[in-house]
Amino acid sequence: MQRKAFSPVQGHSEFMFENLAAGSGLVALTVVIHTAGLILVASATPYLARRLGFQNHDVGRTLVMTGTVLCILAILTLEVWSWAIAYFLLGAARNFGDALYLSSAMFSTTGTGDLHPDEAWRLMTALEGVNGILMIGWSTAYLVRAATRHGPFRQEHF
């Protein structure tokens, strides 16, 4: 019995370029969103902390960190929605709700066992997973720096 050759995208190799092009465009878009969002947060945080008098006590610095985390969550949410809109427009998911669920699972790298994208767009979901790791890692690095600069933690805590 002869074995059939394995095709990574099983019958959809013609969509590989489209997957890479769309995925690369979305990675670039999320980098722009993340950069702009963090620049905005970085410029607003010290100003608001001083204006509200939060920089002089731990409760205030904790509130600054809470606001920073919520802003980063908003940035990440915008990035997830960007991928979801693309999945919906490309027909990778049946409806926008499924596209948003798929995007949330892929970006956070939790994966999903109950929802599968159209086979032609599977490679793009892998790119979103890599993108999510990068954006979440970048956010974590920013939060560590913000916690030691504006938050309740100082250099001596580490």
Protein backbone atom coordinates (compact mmCIF):
# COMPACT_ATOMS: atom_id res chain seq x y z
CA MET A 1 0.00 0.00 0.00
CA GLN A 2 1.38 3.34 -1.05
CA ARG A 3 1.25 6.29 1.33
CA LYS A 4 -0.10 9.59 0.20
CA ALA A 5 2.29 12.51 0.51
CA PHE A 6 1.61 14.77 3.46
CA SER A 7 0.51 18.27 2.55
CA PRO A 8 0.75 20.79 5.42
CA VAL A 9 -2.32 22.65 4.20
CA GLN A 10 -4.00 19.55 2.69
CA GLY A 11 -5.31 20.67 -0.65
CA HIS A 12 -5.11 24.37 0.09
CA SER A 13 -1.49 25.12 -0.78
CA GLU A 14 -2.68 27.75 -3.23
CA PHE A 15 -3.79 29.82 -0.22
CA MET A 16 -0.38 29.72 1.48
CA PHE A 17 0.69 33.06 -0.04
CA GLU A 18 -2.64 34.64 0.90
CA ASN A 19 -2.26 33.34 4.47
CA LEU A 20 1.26 34.75 4.76
CA ALA A 21 0.34 38.06 3.14
CA ALA A 22 -2.79 38.62 5.24
CA GLY A 23 -1.09 37.40 8.42
CA SER A 24 2.00 39.55 7.86
CA GLY A 25 -0.18 42.58 7.21
CA LEU A 26 -2.06 41.95 10.44
CA VAL A 27 1.17 41.48 12.39
CA ALA A 28 2.36 44.85 11.05
CA LEU A 29 -0.98 46.43 11.95
CA THR A 30 -0.84 45.11 15.52
CA VAL A 31 2.72 46.40 15.93
CA VAL A 32 1.53 49.86 14.86
CA ILE A 33 -1.48 49.65 17.22
CA HIS A 34 0.72 48.45 20.09
CA THR A 35 3.39 51.08 19.52
CA ALA A 36 0.88 53.93 19.30
CA GLY A 37 -1.04 52.64 22.31
CA LEU A 38 2.03 52.28 24.51
CA ILE A 39 3.33 55.70 23.47
CA LEU A 40 -0.03 57.18 24.48
CA VAL A 41 -0.04 55.30 27.80
CA ALA A 42 3.60 56.20 28.49
CA SER A 43 2.96 59.89 27.89
CA ALA A 44 -0.35 60.08 29.77
CA THR A 45 0.60 58.03 32.83
CA PRO A 46 3.14 60.36 34.49
CA TYR A 47 1.05 63.43 33.69
CA LEU A 48 -2.13 61.95 35.18
CA ALA A 49 -0.31 60.52 38.20
CA ARG A 50 1.14 63.93 39.04
CA ARG A 51 -2.08 65.78 38.26
CA LEU A 52 -4.13 63.49 40.53
CA GLY A 53 -1.43 63.31 43.22
CA PHE A 54 -1.06 59.55 42.88
CA GLN A 55 2.72 59.41 42.78
CA ASN A 56 3.16 60.10 46.51
CA HIS A 57 1.55 57.00 48.05
CA ASP A 58 1.20 53.27 47.42
CA VAL A 59 -2.58 53.36 46.92
CA GLY A 60 -2.21 56.02 44.25
CA ARG A 61 0.63 54.14 42.53
CA THR A 62 -1.51 50.99 42.62
CA LEU A 63 -4.31 52.92 40.92
CA VAL A 64 -1.83 54.08 38.28
CA MET A 65 -0.84 50.46 37.63
CA THR A 66 -4.49 49.40 37.46
CA GLY A 67 -5.14 52.07 34.86
CA THR A 68 -2.04 51.00 32.93
CA VAL A 69 -3.18 47.37 32.89
CA LEU A 70 -6.65 48.38 31.69
CA CYS A 71 -5.13 50.50 28.91
CA ILE A 72 -2.95 47.59 27.79
CA LEU A 73 -5.99 45.32 27.86
CA ALA A 74 -7.76 47.81 25.58
CA ILE A 75 -4.77 47.81 23.19
CA LEU A 76 -4.69 43.99 23.09
CA THR A 77 -8.45 43.88 22.58
CA LEU A 78 -8.16 46.18 19.57
CA GLU A 79 -5.50 43.86 18.15
CA VAL A 80 -7.66 40.75 18.68
CA TRP A 81 -10.60 42.50 17.01
CA SER A 82 -8.38 43.37 14.03
CA TRP A 83 -7.66 39.67 13.47
CA ALA A 84 -11.33 38.79 14.02
CA ILE A 85 -12.49 41.29 11.40
CA ALA A 86 -9.99 39.81 8.96
CA TYR A 87 -11.19 36.23 9.66
CA PHE A 88 -14.78 37.34 9.12
CA LEU A 89 -14.04 39.23 5.89
CA LEU A 90 -11.94 36.37 4.52
CA GLY A 91 -14.62 33.79 5.32
CA ALA A 92 -12.39 31.89 7.74
CA ALA A 93 -15.25 31.81 10.28
CA ARG A 94 -19.02 31.42 9.82
CA ASN A 95 -19.94 34.65 11.56
CA PHE A 96 -18.31 37.51 13.46
CA GLY A 97 -18.95 35.91 16.86
CA ASP A 98 -17.06 32.79 15.79
CA ALA A 99 -14.31 34.95 14.28
CA LEU A 100 -13.90 36.88 17.55
CA TYR A 101 -13.86 33.66 19.60
CA LEU A 102 -11.32 32.11 17.23
CA SER A 103 -9.15 35.22 17.31
CA SER A 104 -9.25 35.44 21.12
CA ALA A 105 -8.22 31.80 21.43
CA MET A 106 -5.43 32.08 18.86
CA PHE A 107 -4.02 35.42 20.08
CA SER A 108 -3.90 34.23 23.68
CA THR A 109 -2.47 30.89 22.46
CA THR A 110 -5.03 28.93 24.48
CA GLY A 111 -6.25 27.35 21.25
CA THR A 112 -9.71 26.03 20.70
CA GLY A 113 -10.98 22.53 20.33
CA ASP A 114 -14.58 23.34 19.49
CA LEU A 115 -14.11 25.82 16.65
CA HIS A 116 -11.96 25.37 13.57
CA PRO A 117 -11.26 27.96 10.90
CA ASP A 118 -11.86 27.24 7.25
CA GLU A 119 -9.00 24.93 6.24
CA ALA A 120 -7.72 27.45 3.71
CA TRP A 121 -6.89 29.90 6.53
CA ARG A 122 -5.31 27.60 9.15
CA LEU A 123 -1.80 28.95 8.57
CA MET A 124 -3.03 32.45 9.36
CA THR A 125 -4.26 31.32 12.78
CA ALA A 126 -0.75 30.06 13.58
CA LEU A 127 0.64 33.48 12.66
CA GLU A 128 -1.84 35.06 15.04
CA GLY A 129 -0.59 32.82 17.82
CA VAL A 130 2.98 33.98 17.26
CA ASN A 131 1.75 37.57 17.07
CA GLY A 132 -0.11 37.15 20.35
CA ILE A 133 2.98 35.81 22.11
CA LEU A 134 4.99 38.81 20.91
CA MET A 135 2.38 41.42 21.86
CA ILE A 136 1.65 39.88 25.27
CA GLY A 137 5.40 39.59 25.95
CA TRP A 138 5.91 43.21 24.94
CA SER A 139 3.03 44.23 27.24
CA THR A 140 4.55 42.28 30.12
CA ALA A 141 7.92 43.97 29.64
CA TYR A 142 6.19 47.36 29.60
CA LEU A 143 4.25 46.54 32.79
CA VAL A 144 7.41 45.49 34.65
CA ARG A 145 9.07 48.77 33.69
CA ALA A 146 5.96 50.79 34.58
CA ALA A 147 5.64 49.00 37.94
CA THR A 148 9.16 50.01 38.92
CA ARG A 149 8.84 53.53 37.56
CA HIS A 150 5.27 54.63 38.38
CA GLY A 151 3.75 51.74 40.30
CA PRO A 152 4.04 50.54 43.87
CA PHE A 153 7.27 48.65 43.22
CA ARG A 154 10.70 50.18 43.26
CA GLN A 155 14.05 48.90 42.11
CA GLU A 156 14.85 47.67 45.62
CA HIS A 157 11.95 45.20 45.43
CA PHE A 158 13.75 43.19 42.76
